[in-house]
Amino acid sequence: MKKLHQILQIVLLAYFGAFLIFFIAFDTLGGLFGMEEITSDSMVTIILIGLLLFLAAWGSSYAAYSSLSSQIKKMENETHALKAKIYDFEHPKTTANPGAKPTTPSESDQSNIPRRQNFTDK
């Protein structure tokens, strides 16, 4: 989808670039194409074709963006699921007994750091 978007943007740029050069050099190039003067019908046709090319490029851009957005959301959901599994493996006490009383941090602390003592002056 991204390649189609890039191709359509290049086609749109080339289309309007070619007509810009054509209209700047109309005195010399108009005779080659059998145009004596620019009519409103030819201008409307040129602008409508350009509008259709622009809408096609914009539609492909929107489709590419929505595709990438859905991929990002899917990856984020997978990441959250994996983080939840890792958390469940690291904290089996809290998830193994859902009806059990939650332990305080000091009871579940497995480090060798002694509890904090409060000292007061008497």
N, C-alpha and C. Protein backbone atom coordinates (compact mmCIF):
# COMPACT_ATOMS: atom_id res chain seq x y z
N MET A 1 0.83 -1.19 0.00
CA MET A 1 0.00 0.00 0.00
C MET A 1 0.88 1.25 0.00
N LYS A 2 2.01 1.17 0.69
CA LYS A 2 2.88 2.33 0.76
C LYS A 2 3.50 2.64 -0.61
N LYS A 3 3.83 1.59 -1.38
CA LYS A 3 4.39 1.80 -2.72
C LYS A 3 3.36 2.47 -3.63
N LEU A 4 2.09 2.04 -3.55
CA LEU A 4 1.05 2.64 -4.37
C LEU A 4 0.90 4.12 -4.04
N HIS A 5 0.98 4.44 -2.75
CA HIS A 5 0.88 5.84 -2.33
C HIS A 5 2.02 6.66 -2.91
N GLN A 6 3.24 6.14 -2.85
CA GLN A 6 4.38 6.86 -3.40
C GLN A 6 4.26 7.03 -4.91
N ILE A 7 3.81 6.00 -5.61
CA ILE A 7 3.66 6.08 -7.06
C ILE A 7 2.60 7.11 -7.42
N LEU A 8 1.47 7.11 -6.72
CA LEU A 8 0.41 8.07 -7.01
C LEU A 8 0.85 9.51 -6.74
N GLN A 9 1.65 9.72 -5.72
CA GLN A 9 2.16 11.06 -5.47
C GLN A 9 3.10 11.53 -6.57
N ILE A 10 3.94 10.62 -7.07
CA ILE A 10 4.85 10.97 -8.16
C ILE A 10 4.05 11.26 -9.44
N VAL A 11 3.02 10.45 -9.70
CA VAL A 11 2.18 10.68 -10.89
C VAL A 11 1.48 12.04 -10.78
N LEU A 12 0.97 12.36 -9.60
CA LEU A 12 0.30 13.65 -9.40
C LEU A 12 1.27 14.81 -9.61
N LEU A 13 2.46 14.68 -9.07
CA LEU A 13 3.48 15.72 -9.25
C LEU A 13 3.85 15.87 -10.72
N ALA A 14 4.05 14.76 -11.41
CA ALA A 14 4.41 14.83 -12.83
C ALA A 14 3.27 15.42 -13.66
N TYR A 15 2.04 15.08 -13.33
CA TYR A 15 0.88 15.60 -14.06
C TYR A 15 0.81 17.12 -13.97
N PHE A 16 0.84 17.63 -12.72
CA PHE A 16 0.75 19.07 -12.57
C PHE A 16 2.02 19.78 -13.03
N GLY A 17 3.16 19.15 -12.91
CA GLY A 17 4.40 19.73 -13.42
C GLY A 17 4.39 19.84 -14.94
N ALA A 18 3.88 18.80 -15.60
CA ALA A 18 3.81 18.84 -17.06
C ALA A 18 2.86 19.93 -17.53
N PHE A 19 1.72 20.08 -16.88
CA PHE A 19 0.79 21.12 -17.29
C PHE A 19 1.28 22.52 -16.92
N LEU A 20 2.06 22.62 -15.86
CA LEU A 20 2.66 23.92 -15.55
C LEU A 20 3.61 24.35 -16.66
N ILE A 21 4.46 23.43 -17.10
CA ILE A 21 5.38 23.73 -18.19
C ILE A 21 4.61 24.00 -19.48
N PHE A 22 3.54 23.22 -19.71
CA PHE A 22 2.74 23.42 -20.92
C PHE A 22 2.11 24.80 -20.96
N PHE A 23 1.56 25.25 -19.83
CA PHE A 23 0.90 26.55 -19.82
C PHE A 23 1.89 27.72 -19.82
N ILE A 24 3.07 27.52 -19.25
CA ILE A 24 4.09 28.57 -19.30
C ILE A 24 4.57 28.75 -20.74
N ALA A 25 4.77 27.64 -21.43
CA ALA A 25 5.27 27.70 -22.80
C ALA A 25 4.14 27.45 -23.79
N PHE A 26 2.97 27.95 -23.51
CA PHE A 26 1.80 27.69 -24.36
C PHE A 26 1.95 28.26 -25.77
N ASP A 27 2.65 29.36 -25.88
CA ASP A 27 2.81 29.98 -27.20
C ASP A 27 3.51 29.03 -28.18
N THR A 28 4.49 28.29 -27.68
CA THR A 28 5.21 27.37 -28.57
C THR A 28 4.61 25.97 -28.57
N LEU A 29 4.16 25.48 -27.41
CA LEU A 29 3.64 24.12 -27.31
C LEU A 29 2.18 23.99 -27.71
N GLY A 30 1.43 25.08 -27.67
CA GLY A 30 0.01 25.02 -28.03
C GLY A 30 -0.21 24.62 -29.47
N GLY A 31 0.62 25.11 -30.35
CA GLY A 31 0.51 24.76 -31.77
C GLY A 31 0.82 23.30 -32.03
N LEU A 32 1.71 22.71 -31.23
CA LEU A 32 2.04 21.30 -31.41
C LEU A 32 0.85 20.39 -31.11
N PHE A 33 0.01 20.80 -30.19
CA PHE A 33 -1.15 19.99 -29.81
C PHE A 33 -2.44 20.47 -30.47
N GLY A 34 -2.35 21.41 -31.39
CA GLY A 34 -3.51 21.87 -32.12
C GLY A 34 -4.42 22.76 -31.30
N MET A 35 -3.87 23.47 -30.35
CA MET A 35 -4.68 24.37 -29.51
C MET A 35 -4.31 25.81 -29.86
N GLU A 36 -5.28 26.56 -30.31
CA GLU A 36 -5.04 27.96 -30.60
C GLU A 36 -5.18 28.82 -29.35
N GLU A 37 -6.15 28.44 -28.50
CA GLU A 37 -6.35 29.16 -27.25
C GLU A 37 -6.83 28.18 -26.18
N ILE A 38 -6.72 28.59 -24.95
CA ILE A 38 -7.15 27.74 -23.83
C ILE A 38 -8.63 28.04 -23.58
N THR A 39 -9.43 26.99 -23.67
CA THR A 39 -10.86 27.16 -23.42
C THR A 39 -11.18 26.72 -22.01
N SER A 40 -12.34 27.13 -21.53
CA SER A 40 -12.75 26.74 -20.18
C SER A 40 -13.02 25.24 -20.10
N ASP A 41 -13.48 24.64 -21.20
CA ASP A 41 -13.73 23.19 -21.20
C ASP A 41 -12.43 22.41 -21.00
N SER A 42 -11.38 22.83 -21.68
CA SER A 42 -10.10 22.13 -21.51
C SER A 42 -9.53 22.33 -20.11
N MET A 43 -9.69 23.53 -19.55
CA MET A 43 -9.20 23.78 -18.18
C MET A 43 -9.97 22.95 -17.16
N VAL A 44 -11.30 22.86 -17.32
CA VAL A 44 -12.11 22.06 -16.39
C VAL A 44 -11.71 20.60 -16.48
N THR A 45 -11.47 20.11 -17.69
CA THR A 45 -11.06 18.72 -17.86
C THR A 45 -9.71 18.47 -17.19
N ILE A 46 -8.76 19.35 -17.38
CA ILE A 46 -7.43 19.20 -16.78
C ILE A 46 -7.52 19.24 -15.26
N ILE A 47 -8.29 20.16 -14.72
CA ILE A 47 -8.41 20.28 -13.27
C ILE A 47 -9.14 19.09 -12.67
N LEU A 48 -10.18 18.58 -13.35
CA LEU A 48 -10.91 17.41 -12.83
C LEU A 48 -10.04 16.16 -12.84
N ILE A 49 -9.24 15.99 -13.87
CA ILE A 49 -8.32 14.84 -13.89
C ILE A 49 -7.30 14.98 -12.76
N GLY A 50 -6.79 16.19 -12.55
CA GLY A 50 -5.86 16.42 -11.43
C GLY A 50 -6.52 16.17 -10.09
N LEU A 51 -7.78 16.57 -9.95
CA LEU A 51 -8.51 16.33 -8.71
C LEU A 51 -8.69 14.84 -8.45
N LEU A 52 -9.00 14.08 -9.51
CA LEU A 52 -9.14 12.63 -9.35
C LEU A 52 -7.82 11.98 -8.94
N LEU A 53 -6.72 12.44 -9.55
CA LEU A 53 -5.41 11.92 -9.15
C LEU A 53 -5.09 12.28 -7.70
N PHE A 54 -5.43 13.50 -7.31
CA PHE A 54 -5.20 13.92 -5.93
C PHE A 54 -6.02 13.08 -4.95
N LEU A 55 -7.29 12.85 -5.27
CA LEU A 55 -8.13 12.04 -4.38
C LEU A 55 -7.64 10.60 -4.30
N ALA A 56 -7.14 10.07 -5.40
CA ALA A 56 -6.58 8.71 -5.37
C ALA A 56 -5.33 8.66 -4.49
N ALA A 57 -4.48 9.68 -4.60
CA ALA A 57 -3.27 9.73 -3.76
C ALA A 57 -3.65 9.90 -2.29
N TRP A 58 -4.64 10.73 -2.02
CA TRP A 58 -5.08 10.94 -0.64
C TRP A 58 -5.71 9.68 -0.07
N GLY A 59 -6.51 8.98 -0.87
CA GLY A 59 -7.13 7.73 -0.42
C GLY A 59 -6.10 6.66 -0.12
N SER A 60 -5.08 6.56 -0.96
CA SER A 60 -4.04 5.57 -0.71
C SER A 60 -3.24 5.95 0.54
N SER A 61 -3.06 7.24 0.77
CA SER A 61 -2.37 7.69 1.98
C SER A 61 -3.16 7.32 3.22
N TYR A 62 -4.48 7.53 3.17
CA TYR A 62 -5.34 7.20 4.31
C TYR A 62 -5.34 5.69 4.56
N ALA A 63 -5.39 4.91 3.48
CA ALA A 63 -5.38 3.45 3.63
C ALA A 63 -4.06 2.97 4.22
N ALA A 64 -2.94 3.54 3.77
CA ALA A 64 -1.63 3.15 4.31
C ALA A 64 -1.53 3.53 5.78
N TYR A 65 -2.02 4.72 6.13
CA TYR A 65 -1.98 5.16 7.53
C TYR A 65 -2.83 4.27 8.42
N SER A 66 -4.04 3.93 7.98
CA SER A 66 -4.91 3.10 8.81
C SER A 66 -4.35 1.69 8.93
N SER A 67 -3.69 1.20 7.89
CA SER A 67 -3.06 -0.12 7.97
C SER A 67 -1.94 -0.12 9.00
N LEU A 68 -1.09 0.90 8.95
CA LEU A 68 0.01 0.98 9.92
C LEU A 68 -0.53 1.19 11.33
N SER A 69 -1.58 1.96 11.47
CA SER A 69 -2.17 2.20 12.78
C SER A 69 -2.73 0.91 13.37
N SER A 70 -3.39 0.11 12.56
CA SER A 70 -3.93 -1.15 13.07
C SER A 70 -2.81 -2.11 13.44
N GLN A 71 -1.72 -2.11 12.69
CA GLN A 71 -0.57 -2.96 13.05
C GLN A 71 0.04 -2.52 14.37
N ILE A 72 0.14 -1.21 14.58
CA ILE A 72 0.70 -0.70 15.83
C ILE A 72 -0.19 -1.09 17.01
N LYS A 73 -1.51 -0.96 16.85
CA LYS A 73 -2.42 -1.32 17.94
C LYS A 73 -2.34 -2.81 18.24
N LYS A 74 -2.22 -3.64 17.20
CA LYS A 74 -2.12 -5.08 17.43
C LYS A 74 -0.83 -5.40 18.19
N MET A 75 0.26 -4.75 17.81
CA MET A 75 1.54 -4.98 18.50
C MET A 75 1.48 -4.50 19.94
N GLU A 76 0.82 -3.36 20.19
CA GLU A 76 0.68 -2.87 21.56
C GLU A 76 -0.14 -3.84 22.40
N ASN A 77 -1.20 -4.40 21.84
CA ASN A 77 -2.01 -5.38 22.58
C ASN A 77 -1.21 -6.64 22.88
N GLU A 78 -0.40 -7.09 21.93
CA GLU A 78 0.46 -8.24 22.18
C GLU A 78 1.48 -7.93 23.28
N THR A 79 2.03 -6.72 23.25
CA THR A 79 3.00 -6.32 24.27
C THR A 79 2.37 -6.29 25.65
N HIS A 80 1.14 -5.75 25.75
CA HIS A 80 0.46 -5.71 27.03
C HIS A 80 0.15 -7.12 27.53
N ALA A 81 -0.22 -8.01 26.63
CA ALA A 81 -0.50 -9.40 27.03
C ALA A 81 0.77 -10.08 27.53
N LEU A 82 1.88 -9.84 26.84
CA LEU A 82 3.15 -10.44 27.29
C LEU A 82 3.60 -9.86 28.62
N LYS A 83 3.40 -8.55 28.81
CA LYS A 83 3.76 -7.94 30.09
C LYS A 83 2.91 -8.52 31.21
N ALA A 84 1.63 -8.77 30.92
CA ALA A 84 0.76 -9.36 31.94
C ALA A 84 1.22 -10.77 32.29
N LYS A 85 1.62 -11.56 31.29
CA LYS A 85 2.12 -12.91 31.57
C LYS A 85 3.40 -12.87 32.39
N ILE A 86 4.30 -11.95 32.05
CA ILE A 86 5.55 -11.82 32.80
C ILE A 86 5.26 -11.43 34.24
N TYR A 87 4.33 -10.50 34.42
CA TYR A 87 3.97 -10.08 35.77
C TYR A 87 3.38 -11.26 36.55
N ASP A 88 2.55 -12.06 35.91
CA ASP A 88 1.98 -13.23 36.57
C ASP A 88 3.04 -14.23 36.97
N PHE A 89 4.08 -14.41 36.14
CA PHE A 89 5.15 -15.32 36.49
C PHE A 89 6.01 -14.78 37.62
N GLU A 90 6.21 -13.46 37.66
CA GLU A 90 7.06 -12.87 38.69
C GLU A 90 6.35 -12.74 40.03
N HIS A 91 5.05 -12.66 40.04
CA HIS A 91 4.28 -12.48 41.27
C HIS A 91 3.25 -13.59 41.42
N PRO A 92 3.72 -14.82 41.65
CA PRO A 92 2.75 -15.93 41.72
C PRO A 92 1.92 -15.91 43.00
N LYS A 93 2.40 -15.29 44.10
CA LYS A 93 1.65 -15.28 45.36
C LYS A 93 0.37 -14.48 45.23
N THR A 94 0.43 -13.38 44.55
CA THR A 94 -0.76 -12.53 44.45
C THR A 94 -1.77 -13.09 43.47
N THR A 95 -1.34 -13.85 42.46
CA THR A 95 -2.28 -14.37 41.47
C THR A 95 -2.69 -15.80 41.77
N ALA A 96 -1.87 -16.57 42.53
CA ALA A 96 -2.20 -17.97 42.81
C ALA A 96 -3.37 -18.08 43.78
N ASN A 97 -3.46 -17.20 44.77
CA ASN A 97 -4.53 -17.23 45.75
C ASN A 97 -5.34 -15.94 45.66
N PRO A 98 -6.32 -15.90 44.78
CA PRO A 98 -7.04 -14.65 44.64
C PRO A 98 -7.89 -14.31 45.87
N GLY A 99 -8.28 -15.29 46.65
CA GLY A 99 -9.08 -15.03 47.84
C GLY A 99 -8.24 -14.77 49.08
N ALA A 100 -6.94 -14.97 48.99
CA ALA A 100 -6.07 -14.79 50.14
C ALA A 100 -5.87 -13.31 50.43
N LYS A 101 -5.52 -13.05 51.70
CA LYS A 101 -5.27 -11.68 52.14
C LYS A 101 -3.96 -11.19 51.51
N PRO A 102 -3.98 -10.00 50.88
CA PRO A 102 -2.75 -9.50 50.29
C PRO A 102 -1.70 -9.23 51.35
N THR A 103 -0.48 -9.54 51.02
CA THR A 103 0.60 -9.36 51.98
C THR A 103 1.12 -7.94 51.89
N THR A 104 1.66 -7.46 53.00
CA THR A 104 2.27 -6.13 53.01
C THR A 104 3.64 -6.23 52.37
N PRO A 105 4.19 -5.13 51.92
CA PRO A 105 5.50 -5.18 51.27
C PRO A 105 6.59 -5.71 52.19
N SER A 106 6.49 -5.48 53.49
CA SER A 106 7.54 -5.94 54.39
C SER A 106 7.50 -7.46 54.54
N GLU A 107 6.31 -8.07 54.45
CA GLU A 107 6.22 -9.52 54.57
C GLU A 107 6.72 -10.22 53.31
N SER A 108 6.46 -9.64 52.16
CA SER A 108 6.86 -10.30 50.92
C SER A 108 8.26 -9.90 50.47
N ASP A 109 8.91 -8.97 51.19
CA ASP A 109 10.24 -8.52 50.82
C ASP A 109 11.23 -9.64 51.10
N GLN A 110 11.92 -10.08 50.07
CA GLN A 110 12.84 -11.19 50.23
C GLN A 110 14.29 -10.73 50.35
N SER A 111 14.52 -9.46 50.43
CA SER A 111 15.89 -8.96 50.56
C SER A 111 16.33 -9.02 52.03
N ASN A 112 17.58 -8.78 52.28
CA ASN A 112 18.16 -8.85 53.62
C ASN A 112 18.20 -7.49 54.29
N ILE A 113 17.44 -6.54 53.82
CA ILE A 113 17.44 -5.21 54.41
C ILE A 113 16.54 -5.24 55.65
N PRO A 114 17.09 -4.80 56.79
CA PRO A 114 16.26 -4.81 58.00
C PRO A 114 15.18 -3.74 57.93
N ARG A 115 14.14 -3.94 58.72
CA ARG A 115 13.05 -2.96 58.77
C ARG A 115 13.55 -1.64 59.32
N ARG A 116 12.92 -0.58 58.92
CA ARG A 116 13.30 0.75 59.35
C ARG A 116 12.90 0.95 60.81
N GLN A 117 13.78 1.58 61.57
CA GLN A 117 13.48 1.86 62.96
C GLN A 117 13.30 3.36 63.12
N ASN A 118 12.28 3.74 63.83
CA ASN A 118 12.05 5.15 64.11
C ASN A 118 12.71 5.52 65.44
N PHE A 119 13.56 6.51 65.44
CA PHE A 119 14.22 6.96 66.65
C PHE A 119 13.58 8.27 67.09
N THR A 120 13.26 8.37 68.32
CA THR A 120 12.71 9.59 68.86
C THR A 120 13.57 10.07 70.00
N ASP A 121 13.66 11.37 70.20
CA ASP A 121 14.40 11.93 71.32
C ASP A 121 13.48 12.02 72.52
N LYS A 122 13.97 11.62 73.70
CA LYS A 122 13.16 11.68 74.92
C LYS A 122 13.66 12.71 75.84
